[in-house]
Amino acid sequence: MSALRLFLAEADAGWHYAAWVSVDLRLFVFVVLIAALIGAGVAAILVKSRRARDYLSVFVLGFVATLALLLLVFNEIAQHPVFVVEAFFPFP
């Protein structure tokens, strides 16, 4: 079976859904800025070499880890969600 037929068969299965998602933009910008500052701080403290790729890799790792942790904290623990799923609906 060709890839196009397989794709069309999956698209016609009827189990595809979509959602309306609301974003608290002020809180999201705050979380991103705090994660960027923490990532930069971690990179400045941990990296002793003078290579830019070392700073960048530690910054990206610190940023992503902090962003994920802050999103988890605000969405689940603090009950002040950054992302809210408003409604699910079938998507053709």
PDB file of N, CA and C in Angstrom:
ATOM      1  N   MET A   1       0.852  -1.177   0.000  1.00  0.00           N
ATOM      2  CA  MET A   1       0.000   0.000   0.000  1.00  0.00           C
ATOM      3  C   MET A   1       0.893   1.234   0.000  1.00  0.00           C
ATOM      4  N   SER A   2       0.550   2.212  -0.770  1.00  0.00           N
ATOM      5  CA  SER A   2       1.387   3.405  -0.855  1.00  0.00           C
ATOM      6  C   SER A   2       1.269   4.224   0.431  1.00  0.00           C
ATOM      7  N   ALA A   3       2.248   5.059   0.639  1.00  0.00           N
ATOM      8  CA  ALA A   3       2.270   5.883   1.847  1.00  0.00           C
ATOM      9  C   ALA A   3       1.099   6.860   1.878  1.00  0.00           C
ATOM     10  N   LEU A   4       0.711   7.365   0.708  1.00  0.00           N
ATOM     11  CA  LEU A   4      -0.410   8.300   0.657  1.00  0.00           C
ATOM     12  C   LEU A   4      -1.713   7.610   1.043  1.00  0.00           C
ATOM     13  N   ARG A   5      -1.941   6.404   0.559  1.00  0.00           N
ATOM     14  CA  ARG A   5      -3.162   5.668   0.926  1.00  0.00           C
ATOM     15  C   ARG A   5      -3.186   5.354   2.419  1.00  0.00           C
ATOM     16  N   LEU A   6      -2.038   4.972   2.968  1.00  0.00           N
ATOM     17  CA  LEU A   6      -1.974   4.689   4.398  1.00  0.00           C
ATOM     18  C   LEU A   6      -2.267   5.947   5.204  1.00  0.00           C
ATOM     19  N   PHE A   7      -1.715   7.081   4.782  1.00  0.00           N
ATOM     20  CA  PHE A   7      -1.965   8.348   5.463  1.00  0.00           C
ATOM     21  C   PHE A   7      -3.442   8.725   5.406  1.00  0.00           C
ATOM     22  N   LEU A   8      -4.041   8.577   4.232  1.00  0.00           N
ATOM     23  CA  LEU A   8      -5.455   8.911   4.091  1.00  0.00           C
ATOM     24  C   LEU A   8      -6.348   7.958   4.881  1.00  0.00           C
ATOM     25  N   ALA A   9      -5.967   6.692   4.979  1.00  0.00           N
ATOM     26  CA  ALA A   9      -6.741   5.736   5.767  1.00  0.00           C
ATOM     27  C   ALA A   9      -6.689   6.096   7.249  1.00  0.00           C
ATOM     28  N   GLU A  10      -5.526   6.538   7.728  1.00  0.00           N
ATOM     29  CA  GLU A  10      -5.421   6.952   9.123  1.00  0.00           C
ATOM     30  C   GLU A  10      -6.193   8.229   9.370  1.00  0.00           C
ATOM     31  N   ALA A  11      -6.180   9.144   8.427  1.00  0.00           N
ATOM     32  CA  ALA A  11      -6.887  10.416   8.598  1.00  0.00           C
ATOM     33  C   ALA A  11      -8.391  10.210   8.622  1.00  0.00           C
ATOM     34  N   ASP A  12      -8.881   9.166   7.997  1.00  0.00           N
ATOM     35  CA  ASP A  12     -10.309   8.909   7.937  1.00  0.00           C
ATOM     36  C   ASP A  12     -10.788   8.024   9.079  1.00  0.00           C
ATOM     37  N   ALA A  13      -9.907   7.660  10.000  1.00  0.00           N
ATOM     38  CA  ALA A  13     -10.275   6.728  11.064  1.00  0.00           C
ATOM     39  C   ALA A  13     -11.265   7.330  12.049  1.00  0.00           C
ATOM     40  N   GLY A  14     -11.305   8.646  12.192  1.00  0.00           N
ATOM     41  CA  GLY A  14     -12.274   9.263  13.079  1.00  0.00           C
ATOM     42  C   GLY A  14     -11.827   9.401  14.519  1.00  0.00           C
ATOM     43  N   TRP A  15     -10.593   9.086  14.834  1.00  0.00           N
ATOM     44  CA  TRP A  15     -10.143   9.191  16.220  1.00  0.00           C
ATOM     45  C   TRP A  15      -9.194  10.359  16.423  1.00  0.00           C
ATOM     46  N   HIS A  16      -9.185  11.293  15.492  1.00  0.00           N
ATOM     47  CA  HIS A  16      -8.339  12.468  15.628  1.00  0.00           C
ATOM     48  C   HIS A  16      -9.099  13.553  16.384  1.00  0.00           C
ATOM     49  N   TYR A  17      -8.423  14.162  17.341  1.00  0.00           N
ATOM     50  CA  TYR A  17      -9.049  15.193  18.152  1.00  0.00           C
ATOM     51  C   TYR A  17      -8.161  16.423  18.186  1.00  0.00           C
ATOM     52  N   ALA A  18      -8.765  17.545  18.463  1.00  0.00           N
ATOM     53  CA  ALA A  18      -8.042  18.795  18.627  1.00  0.00           C
ATOM     54  C   ALA A  18      -8.537  19.438  19.921  1.00  0.00           C
ATOM     55  N   ALA A  19      -7.898  20.529  20.322  1.00  0.00           N
ATOM     56  CA  ALA A  19      -8.288  21.192  21.561  1.00  0.00           C
ATOM     57  C   ALA A  19      -8.052  22.691  21.445  1.00  0.00           C
ATOM     58  N   TRP A  20      -8.886  23.427  22.160  1.00  0.00           N
ATOM     59  CA  TRP A  20      -8.641  24.850  22.335  1.00  0.00           C
ATOM     60  C   TRP A  20      -7.790  25.008  23.580  1.00  0.00           C
ATOM     61  N   VAL A  21      -6.662  25.666  23.431  1.00  0.00           N
ATOM     62  CA  VAL A  21      -5.745  25.843  24.552  1.00  0.00           C
ATOM     63  C   VAL A  21      -5.583  27.331  24.815  1.00  0.00           C
ATOM     64  N   SER A  22      -5.760  27.724  26.064  1.00  0.00           N
ATOM     65  CA  SER A  22      -5.548  29.112  26.457  1.00  0.00           C
ATOM     66  C   SER A  22      -4.191  29.235  27.129  1.00  0.00           C
ATOM     67  N   VAL A  23      -3.514  30.359  26.866  1.00  0.00           N
ATOM     68  CA  VAL A  23      -2.199  30.612  27.446  1.00  0.00           C
ATOM     69  C   VAL A  23      -2.264  31.915  28.230  1.00  0.00           C
ATOM     70  N   ASP A  24      -1.833  31.869  29.481  1.00  0.00           N
ATOM     71  CA  ASP A  24      -1.673  33.087  30.270  1.00  0.00           C
ATOM     72  C   ASP A  24      -0.338  33.697  29.845  1.00  0.00           C
ATOM     73  N   LEU A  25      -0.398  34.676  28.957  1.00  0.00           N
ATOM     74  CA  LEU A  25       0.800  35.194  28.300  1.00  0.00           C
ATOM     75  C   LEU A  25       1.737  35.898  29.277  1.00  0.00           C
ATOM     76  N   ARG A  26       1.205  36.620  30.231  1.00  0.00           N
ATOM     77  CA  ARG A  26       2.074  37.296  31.212  1.00  0.00           C
ATOM     78  C   ARG A  26       2.842  36.279  32.050  1.00  0.00           C
ATOM     79  N   LEU A  27       2.162  35.249  32.490  1.00  0.00           N
ATOM     80  CA  LEU A  27       2.829  34.221  33.287  1.00  0.00           C
ATOM     81  C   LEU A  27       3.827  33.436  32.447  1.00  0.00           C
ATOM     82  N   PHE A  28       3.492  33.175  31.186  1.00  0.00           N
ATOM     83  CA  PHE A  28       4.400  32.448  30.307  1.00  0.00           C
ATOM     84  C   PHE A  28       5.681  33.248  30.060  1.00  0.00           C
ATOM     85  N   VAL A  29       5.556  34.552  29.812  1.00  0.00           N
ATOM     86  CA  VAL A  29       6.744  35.397  29.621  1.00  0.00           C
ATOM     87  C   VAL A  29       7.576  35.433  30.895  1.00  0.00           C
ATOM     88  N   PHE A  30       6.932  35.523  32.050  1.00  0.00           N
ATOM     89  CA  PHE A  30       7.644  35.503  33.323  1.00  0.00           C
ATOM     90  C   PHE A  30       8.413  34.203  33.507  1.00  0.00           C
ATOM     91  N   VAL A  31       7.774  33.084  33.207  1.00  0.00           N
ATOM     92  CA  VAL A  31       8.420  31.778  33.360  1.00  0.00           C
ATOM     93  C   VAL A  31       9.611  31.651  32.404  1.00  0.00           C
ATOM     94  N   VAL A  32       9.459  32.113  31.158  1.00  0.00           N
ATOM     95  CA  VAL A  32      10.553  32.041  30.189  1.00  0.00           C
ATOM     96  C   VAL A  32      11.720  32.919  30.632  1.00  0.00           C
ATOM     97  N   LEU A  33      11.442  34.129  31.120  1.00  0.00           N
ATOM     98  CA  LEU A  33      12.524  35.012  31.575  1.00  0.00           C
ATOM     99  C   LEU A  33      13.252  34.451  32.792  1.00  0.00           C
ATOM    100  N   ILE A  34      12.513  33.913  33.744  1.00  0.00           N
ATOM    101  CA  ILE A  34      13.146  33.313  34.922  1.00  0.00           C
ATOM    102  C   ILE A  34      13.988  32.106  34.513  1.00  0.00           C
ATOM    103  N   ALA A  35      13.487  31.289  33.596  1.00  0.00           N
ATOM    104  CA  ALA A  35      14.249  30.131  33.125  1.00  0.00           C
ATOM    105  C   ALA A  35      15.509  30.567  32.389  1.00  0.00           C
ATOM    106  N   ALA A  36      15.423  31.647  31.600  1.00  0.00           N
ATOM    107  CA  ALA A  36      16.606  32.146  30.891  1.00  0.00           C
ATOM    108  C   ALA A  36      17.647  32.681  31.870  1.00  0.00           C
ATOM    109  N   LEU A  37      17.206  33.403  32.888  1.00  0.00           N
ATOM    110  CA  LEU A  37      18.157  33.915  33.886  1.00  0.00           C
ATOM    111  C   LEU A  37      18.816  32.790  34.671  1.00  0.00           C
ATOM    112  N   ILE A  38      18.039  31.795  35.042  1.00  0.00           N
ATOM    113  CA  ILE A  38      18.613  30.664  35.778  1.00  0.00           C
ATOM    114  C   ILE A  38      19.553  29.871  34.874  1.00  0.00           C
ATOM    115  N   GLY A  39      19.180  29.675  33.618  1.00  0.00           N
ATOM    116  CA  GLY A  39      20.070  28.982  32.679  1.00  0.00           C
ATOM    117  C   GLY A  39      21.381  29.718  32.480  1.00  0.00           C
ATOM    118  N   ALA A  40      21.316  31.054  32.361  1.00  0.00           N
ATOM    119  CA  ALA A  40      22.539  31.843  32.217  1.00  0.00           C
ATOM    120  C   ALA A  40      23.383  31.786  33.483  1.00  0.00           C
ATOM    121  N   GLY A  41      22.738  31.817  34.627  1.00  0.00           N
ATOM    122  CA  GLY A  41      23.474  31.718  35.885  1.00  0.00           C
ATOM    123  C   GLY A  41      24.151  30.374  36.064  1.00  0.00           C
ATOM    124  N   VAL A  42      23.453  29.316  35.727  1.00  0.00           N
ATOM    125  CA  VAL A  42      24.046  27.981  35.817  1.00  0.00           C
ATOM    126  C   VAL A  42      25.230  27.855  34.861  1.00  0.00           C
ATOM    127  N   ALA A  43      25.090  28.400  33.656  1.00  0.00           N
ATOM    128  CA  ALA A  43      26.187  28.341  32.690  1.00  0.00           C
ATOM    129  C   ALA A  43      27.378  29.155  33.174  1.00  0.00           C
ATOM    130  N   ALA A  44      27.135  30.306  33.776  1.00  0.00           N
ATOM    131  CA  ALA A  44      28.234  31.134  34.262  1.00  0.00           C
ATOM    132  C   ALA A  44      28.959  30.490  35.439  1.00  0.00           C
ATOM    133  N   ILE A  45      28.241  29.759  36.261  1.00  0.00           N
ATOM    134  CA  ILE A  45      28.865  29.143  37.438  1.00  0.00           C
ATOM    135  C   ILE A  45      29.584  27.852  37.085  1.00  0.00           C
ATOM    136  N   LEU A  46      28.979  27.016  36.238  1.00  0.00           N
ATOM    137  CA  LEU A  46      29.518  25.678  35.997  1.00  0.00           C
ATOM    138  C   LEU A  46      30.600  25.610  34.929  1.00  0.00           C
ATOM    139  N   VAL A  47      30.550  26.462  33.927  1.00  0.00           N
ATOM    140  CA  VAL A  47      31.483  26.339  32.808  1.00  0.00           C
ATOM    141  C   VAL A  47      32.771  27.097  33.127  1.00  0.00           C
ATOM    142  N   LYS A  48      33.885  26.375  33.065  1.00  0.00           N
ATOM    143  CA  LYS A  48      35.177  26.987  33.349  1.00  0.00           C
ATOM    144  C   LYS A  48      35.996  27.217  32.081  1.00  0.00           C
ATOM    145  N   SER A  49      35.633  26.583  30.985  1.00  0.00           N
ATOM    146  CA  SER A  49      36.394  26.757  29.748  1.00  0.00           C
ATOM    147  C   SER A  49      35.939  28.033  29.040  1.00  0.00           C
ATOM    148  N   ARG A  50      36.618  28.383  27.961  1.00  0.00           N
ATOM    149  CA  ARG A  50      36.284  29.597  27.225  1.00  0.00           C
ATOM    150  C   ARG A  50      35.602  29.286  25.898  1.00  0.00           C
ATOM    151  N   ARG A  51      35.104  28.111  25.716  1.00  0.00           N
ATOM    152  CA  ARG A  51      34.435  27.743  24.473  1.00  0.00           C
ATOM    153  C   ARG A  51      32.973  28.142  24.536  1.00  0.00           C
ATOM    154  N   ALA A  52      32.503  28.753  23.457  1.00  0.00           N
ATOM    155  CA  ALA A  52      31.117  29.214  23.402  1.00  0.00           C
ATOM    156  C   ALA A  52      30.140  28.042  23.378  1.00  0.00           C
ATOM    157  N   ARG A  53      30.544  26.928  22.761  1.00  0.00           N
ATOM    158  CA  ARG A  53      29.617  25.790  22.688  1.00  0.00           C
ATOM    159  C   ARG A  53      29.369  25.189  24.064  1.00  0.00           C
ATOM    160  N   ASP A  54      30.359  25.272  24.973  1.00  0.00           N
ATOM    161  CA  ASP A  54      30.143  24.785  26.339  1.00  0.00           C
ATOM    162  C   ASP A  54      29.129  25.654  27.074  1.00  0.00           C
ATOM    163  N   TYR A  55      29.285  26.974  26.956  1.00  0.00           N
ATOM    164  CA  TYR A  55      28.311  27.876  27.563  1.00  0.00           C
ATOM    165  C   TYR A  55      26.915  27.648  26.995  1.00  0.00           C
ATOM    166  N   LEU A  56      26.836  27.532  25.676  1.00  0.00           N
ATOM    167  CA  LEU A  56      25.540  27.360  25.029  1.00  0.00           C
ATOM    168  C   LEU A  56      24.873  26.047  25.415  1.00  0.00           C
ATOM    169  N   SER A  57      25.647  24.978  25.458  1.00  0.00           N
ATOM    170  CA  SER A  57      25.050  23.684  25.792  1.00  0.00           C
ATOM    171  C   SER A  57      24.564  23.639  27.236  1.00  0.00           C
ATOM    172  N   VAL A  58      25.341  24.208  28.163  1.00  0.00           N
ATOM    173  CA  VAL A  58      24.905  24.227  29.565  1.00  0.00           C
ATOM    174  C   VAL A  58      23.722  25.175  29.740  1.00  0.00           C
ATOM    175  N   PHE A  59      23.733  26.305  29.016  1.00  0.00           N
ATOM    176  CA  PHE A  59      22.606  27.234  29.081  1.00  0.00           C
ATOM    177  C   PHE A  59      21.316  26.572  28.583  1.00  0.00           C
ATOM    178  N   VAL A  60      21.388  25.897  27.441  1.00  0.00           N
ATOM    179  CA  VAL A  60      20.193  25.249  26.890  1.00  0.00           C
ATOM    180  C   VAL A  60      19.680  24.165  27.834  1.00  0.00           C
ATOM    181  N   LEU A  61      20.581  23.384  28.385  1.00  0.00           N
ATOM    182  CA  LEU A  61      20.179  22.341  29.327  1.00  0.00           C
ATOM    183  C   LEU A  61      19.530  22.946  30.573  1.00  0.00           C
ATOM    184  N   GLY A  62      20.139  23.976  31.136  1.00  0.00           N
ATOM    185  CA  GLY A  62      19.561  24.633  32.313  1.00  0.00           C
ATOM    186  C   GLY A  62      18.241  25.299  32.012  1.00  0.00           C
ATOM    187  N   PHE A  63      18.137  25.946  30.834  1.00  0.00           N
ATOM    188  CA  PHE A  63      16.901  26.619  30.439  1.00  0.00           C
ATOM    189  C   PHE A  63      15.761  25.631  30.278  1.00  0.00           C
ATOM    190  N   VAL A  64      15.994  24.551  29.561  1.00  0.00           N
ATOM    191  CA  VAL A  64      14.930  23.571  29.313  1.00  0.00           C
ATOM    192  C   VAL A  64      14.496  22.887  30.612  1.00  0.00           C
ATOM    193  N   ALA A  65      15.460  22.525  31.440  1.00  0.00           N
ATOM    194  CA  ALA A  65      15.118  21.870  32.706  1.00  0.00           C
ATOM    195  C   ALA A  65      14.332  22.816  33.617  1.00  0.00           C
ATOM    196  N   THR A  66      14.774  24.062  33.704  1.00  0.00           N
ATOM    197  CA  THR A  66      14.077  25.031  34.550  1.00  0.00           C
ATOM    198  C   THR A  66      12.695  25.357  34.003  1.00  0.00           C
ATOM    199  N   LEU A  67      12.582  25.507  32.685  1.00  0.00           N
ATOM    200  CA  LEU A  67      11.283  25.797  32.082  1.00  0.00           C
ATOM    201  C   LEU A  67      10.300  24.661  32.345  1.00  0.00           C
ATOM    202  N   ALA A  68      10.740  23.427  32.169  1.00  0.00           N
ATOM    203  CA  ALA A  68       9.861  22.284  32.428  1.00  0.00           C
ATOM    204  C   ALA A  68       9.447  22.225  33.895  1.00  0.00           C
ATOM    205  N   LEU A  69      10.391  22.468  34.789  1.00  0.00           N
ATOM    206  CA  LEU A  69      10.089  22.439  36.217  1.00  0.00           C
ATOM    207  C   LEU A  69       9.124  23.553  36.602  1.00  0.00           C
ATOM    208  N   LEU A  70       9.344  24.768  36.088  1.00  0.00           N
ATOM    209  CA  LEU A  70       8.451  25.878  36.415  1.00  0.00           C
ATOM    210  C   LEU A  70       7.051  25.670  35.841  1.00  0.00           C
ATOM    211  N   LEU A  71       6.958  25.145  34.627  1.00  0.00           N
ATOM    212  CA  LEU A  71       5.636  24.853  34.072  1.00  0.00           C
ATOM    213  C   LEU A  71       4.910  23.807  34.908  1.00  0.00           C
ATOM    214  N   LEU A  72       5.632  22.798  35.353  1.00  0.00           N
ATOM    215  CA  LEU A  72       5.029  21.784  36.222  1.00  0.00           C
ATOM    216  C   LEU A  72       4.568  22.395  37.533  1.00  0.00           C
ATOM    217  N   VAL A  73       5.402  23.232  38.125  1.00  0.00           N
ATOM    218  CA  VAL A  73       5.054  23.850  39.407  1.00  0.00           C
ATOM    219  C   VAL A  73       3.825  24.744  39.262  1.00  0.00           C
ATOM    220  N   PHE A  74       3.816  25.615  38.261  1.00  0.00           N
ATOM    221  CA  PHE A  74       2.682  26.523  38.115  1.00  0.00           C
ATOM    222  C   PHE A  74       1.415  25.803  37.677  1.00  0.00           C
ATOM    223  N   ASN A  75       1.515  24.829  36.788  1.00  0.00           N
ATOM    224  CA  ASN A  75       0.312  24.148  36.297  1.00  0.00           C
ATOM    225  C   ASN A  75      -0.283  23.202  37.325  1.00  0.00           C
ATOM    226  N   GLU A  76       0.542  22.470  38.034  1.00  0.00           N
ATOM    227  CA  GLU A  76       0.028  21.403  38.896  1.00  0.00           C
ATOM    228  C   GLU A  76       0.027  21.760  40.373  1.00  0.00           C
ATOM    229  N   ILE A  77       1.127  22.262  40.874  1.00  0.00           N
ATOM    230  CA  ILE A  77       1.262  22.452  42.320  1.00  0.00           C
ATOM    231  C   ILE A  77       0.641  23.764  42.778  1.00  0.00           C
ATOM    232  N   ALA A  78       0.929  24.860  42.072  1.00  0.00           N
ATOM    233  CA  ALA A  78       0.445  26.173  42.495  1.00  0.00           C
ATOM    234  C   ALA A  78      -0.985  26.455  42.050  1.00  0.00           C
ATOM    235  N   GLN A  79      -1.552  25.611  41.208  1.00  0.00           N
ATOM    236  CA  GLN A  79      -2.918  25.785  40.702  1.00  0.00           C
ATOM    237  C   GLN A  79      -3.110  27.140  40.020  1.00  0.00           C
ATOM    238  N   HIS A  80      -2.061  27.637  39.380  1.00  0.00           N
ATOM    239  CA  HIS A  80      -2.145  28.852  38.565  1.00  0.00           C
ATOM    240  C   HIS A  80      -1.594  28.502  37.198  1.00  0.00           C
ATOM    241  N   PRO A  81      -2.431  27.938  36.334  1.00  0.00           N
ATOM    242  CA  PRO A  81      -1.925  27.323  35.102  1.00  0.00           C
ATOM    243  C   PRO A  81      -1.436  28.319  34.063  1.00  0.00           C
ATOM    244  N   VAL A  82      -0.370  27.930  33.398  1.00  0.00           N
ATOM    245  CA  VAL A  82       0.140  28.675  32.251  1.00  0.00           C
ATOM    246  C   VAL A  82      -0.655  28.280  31.019  1.00  0.00           C
ATOM    247  N   PHE A  83      -0.891  26.993  30.864  1.00  0.00           N
ATOM    248  CA  PHE A  83      -1.673  26.458  29.746  1.00  0.00           C
ATOM    249  C   PHE A  83      -2.937  25.810  30.284  1.00  0.00           C
ATOM    250  N   VAL A  84      -4.080  26.133  29.696  1.00  0.00           N
ATOM    251  CA  VAL A  84      -5.362  25.551  30.092  1.00  0.00           C
ATOM    252  C   VAL A  84      -6.030  24.996  28.839  1.00  0.00           C
ATOM    253  N   VAL A  85      -6.433  23.743  28.883  1.00  0.00           N
ATOM    254  CA  VAL A  85      -7.186  23.147  27.777  1.00  0.00           C
ATOM    255  C   VAL A  85      -8.654  23.488  28.004  1.00  0.00           C
ATOM    256  N   GLU A  86      -9.197  24.301  27.095  1.00  0.00           N
ATOM    257  CA  GLU A  86     -10.570  24.765  27.243  1.00  0.00           C
ATOM    258  C   GLU A  86     -11.579  23.700  26.812  1.00  0.00           C
ATOM    259  N   ALA A  87     -11.341  23.053  25.663  1.00  0.00           N
ATOM    260  CA  ALA A  87     -12.305  22.076  25.163  1.00  0.00           C
ATOM    261  C   ALA A  87     -11.621  21.145  24.171  1.00  0.00           C
ATOM    262  N   PHE A  88     -12.089  19.891  24.162  1.00  0.00           N
ATOM    263  CA  PHE A  88     -11.668  18.913  23.154  1.00  0.00           C
ATOM    264  C   PHE A  88     -12.793  18.766  22.136  1.00  0.00           C
ATOM    265  N   PHE A  89     -12.425  18.542  20.892  1.00  0.00           N
ATOM    266  CA  PHE A  89     -13.432  18.309  19.870  1.00  0.00           C
ATOM    267  C   PHE A  89     -12.827  17.439  18.775  1.00  0.00           C
ATOM    268  N   PRO A  90     -13.675  16.657  18.093  1.00  0.00           N
ATOM    269  CA  PRO A  90     -13.156  15.817  17.013  1.00  0.00           C
ATOM    270  C   PRO A  90     -12.683  16.676  15.844  1.00  0.00           C
ATOM    271  N   PHE A  91     -11.612  16.254  15.255  1.00  0.00           N
ATOM    272  CA  PHE A  91     -11.010  16.990  14.145  1.00  0.00           C
ATOM    273  C   PHE A  91     -11.028  16.091  12.918  1.00  0.00           C
ATOM    274  N   PRO A  92     -11.650  16.553  11.844  1.00  0.00           N
ATOM    275  CA  PRO A  92     -11.776  15.676  10.664  1.00  0.00           C
ATOM    276  C   PRO A  92     -10.454  15.416   9.977  1.00  0.00           C
TER     277      PRO A  92
END
